Amino acid sequence: MPNYVYMLASQTRGTFYIGMTNDVARRTWEHREGYRKGFTARHGVRRVVMVETYQDVRDAIRREKQLMRWKRAWKIALIEESNPTWADLYDQLLF
C-alpha cells in the first residue's frame, strides 16, 4: 500500500503544512473541509502543492521529518521544481 508525504499551503509562498498518510485524498479533504480543528483550519492551509509517494511507510516518515526540518527557502524551491505555478493539486488526487 502506498504512503504519501504531502505539503499544503495557504497561498503561493504562504503558510505551509507537511503531513504523511496512506490515503492522501481523504486526508487532504479533511484539511480542506476543516474536518479536524487544528493548525490547517486556523491558518487556512488548504491548497495541495506537493505530493510524494513511498512504498515503505518508514521512508515516508523519514521524508516527512526531513522536510519539517528544512529551511523555508528549500521548501519553496522543492515545490517550485514540480509545481512552479503553485496550482492546487487536489483534483489530481481523486483517482
Protein backbone atom coordinates (compact mmCIF):
# COMPACT_ATOMS: atom_id res chain seq x y z
CA MET A 1 0.00 0.00 0.00
CA PRO A 2 1.48 3.37 -0.96
CA ASN A 3 2.19 6.08 1.58
CA TYR A 4 2.27 9.77 0.83
CA VAL A 5 4.10 12.83 2.07
CA TYR A 6 2.21 15.96 1.15
CA MET A 7 2.61 19.67 1.53
CA LEU A 8 -0.25 22.13 1.81
CA ALA A 9 -0.04 25.90 1.50
CA SER A 10 -2.40 28.73 2.35
CA GLN A 11 -1.40 30.57 -0.83
CA THR A 12 1.64 30.99 -3.06
CA ARG A 13 4.62 31.20 -0.70
CA GLY A 14 2.21 31.32 2.24
CA THR A 15 1.95 29.18 5.36
CA PHE A 16 2.94 25.50 4.93
CA TYR A 17 1.81 22.24 6.45
CA ILE A 18 3.60 18.92 5.90
CA GLY A 19 1.94 15.59 6.57
CA MET A 20 2.13 11.87 5.90
CA THR A 21 -0.74 9.44 5.22
CA ASN A 22 -1.70 6.25 3.45
CA ASP A 23 -4.84 7.90 1.97
CA VAL A 24 -3.85 11.27 0.59
CA ALA A 25 -7.24 12.07 -1.00
CA ARG A 26 -9.11 11.50 2.28
CA ARG A 27 -6.56 13.29 4.44
CA THR A 28 -6.28 16.37 2.25
CA TRP A 29 -10.11 16.50 2.05
CA GLU A 30 -10.15 16.60 5.86
CA HIS A 31 -7.75 19.55 5.81
CA ARG A 32 -9.74 21.38 3.11
CA GLU A 33 -13.06 20.93 4.86
CA GLY A 34 -11.74 21.80 8.31
CA TYR A 35 -12.85 18.35 9.45
CA ARG A 36 -10.22 18.33 12.17
CA LYS A 37 -9.69 21.55 14.03
CA GLY A 38 -6.05 22.43 14.26
CA PHE A 39 -3.21 24.24 12.52
CA THR A 40 -4.56 23.96 8.96
CA ALA A 41 -8.03 25.15 9.94
CA ARG A 42 -6.69 28.08 11.99
CA HIS A 43 -4.32 29.22 9.23
CA GLY A 44 -6.41 28.48 6.13
CA VAL A 45 -3.88 25.97 4.81
CA ARG A 46 -5.87 24.02 2.22
CA ARG A 47 -4.05 24.07 -1.13
CA VAL A 48 -2.25 20.80 -2.02
CA VAL A 49 1.02 21.92 -3.61
CA MET A 50 3.20 18.80 -3.41
CA VAL A 51 2.75 15.05 -3.05
CA GLU A 52 5.42 12.33 -2.94
CA THR A 53 4.69 8.59 -2.95
CA TYR A 54 6.58 5.95 -0.95
CA GLN A 55 6.05 2.20 -0.79
CA ASP A 56 7.68 1.79 2.61
CA VAL A 57 5.99 3.68 5.45
CA ARG A 58 9.36 4.14 7.16
CA ASP A 59 10.67 6.04 4.13
CA ALA A 60 7.60 8.28 4.16
CA ILE A 61 8.01 9.01 7.87
CA ARG A 62 11.71 9.80 7.37
CA ARG A 63 10.91 12.15 4.48
CA GLU A 64 8.16 13.94 6.42
CA LYS A 65 10.53 14.56 9.33
CA GLN A 66 13.28 15.67 6.95
CA LEU A 67 11.02 18.21 5.23
CA MET A 68 9.83 19.56 8.57
CA ARG A 69 13.44 20.39 9.45
CA TRP A 70 14.14 22.09 6.12
CA LYS A 71 14.52 25.84 5.79
CA ARG A 72 11.58 27.67 4.28
CA ALA A 73 13.54 28.59 1.14
CA TRP A 74 14.32 24.91 0.50
CA LYS A 75 10.63 24.00 0.78
CA ILE A 76 9.69 26.75 -1.67
CA ALA A 77 12.34 25.53 -4.12
CA LEU A 78 11.08 21.95 -3.81
CA ILE A 79 7.50 22.97 -4.55
CA GLU A 80 8.50 25.17 -7.47
CA GLU A 81 10.52 22.34 -9.08
CA SER A 82 7.38 20.31 -9.75
CA ASN A 83 4.64 22.92 -9.35
CA PRO A 84 6.01 26.32 -10.42
CA THR A 85 2.56 27.95 -10.52
CA TRP A 86 1.59 26.64 -7.07
CA ALA A 87 -1.51 25.06 -8.59
CA ASP A 88 -3.85 23.22 -6.23
CA LEU A 89 -3.25 19.52 -6.97
CA TYR A 90 -6.26 18.29 -5.01
CA ASP A 91 -8.36 17.33 -8.05
CA GLN A 92 -5.49 15.17 -9.34
CA LEU A 93 -5.64 13.10 -6.13
CA LEU A 94 -9.19 11.95 -6.75
CA PHE A 95 -8.27 8.90 -8.83
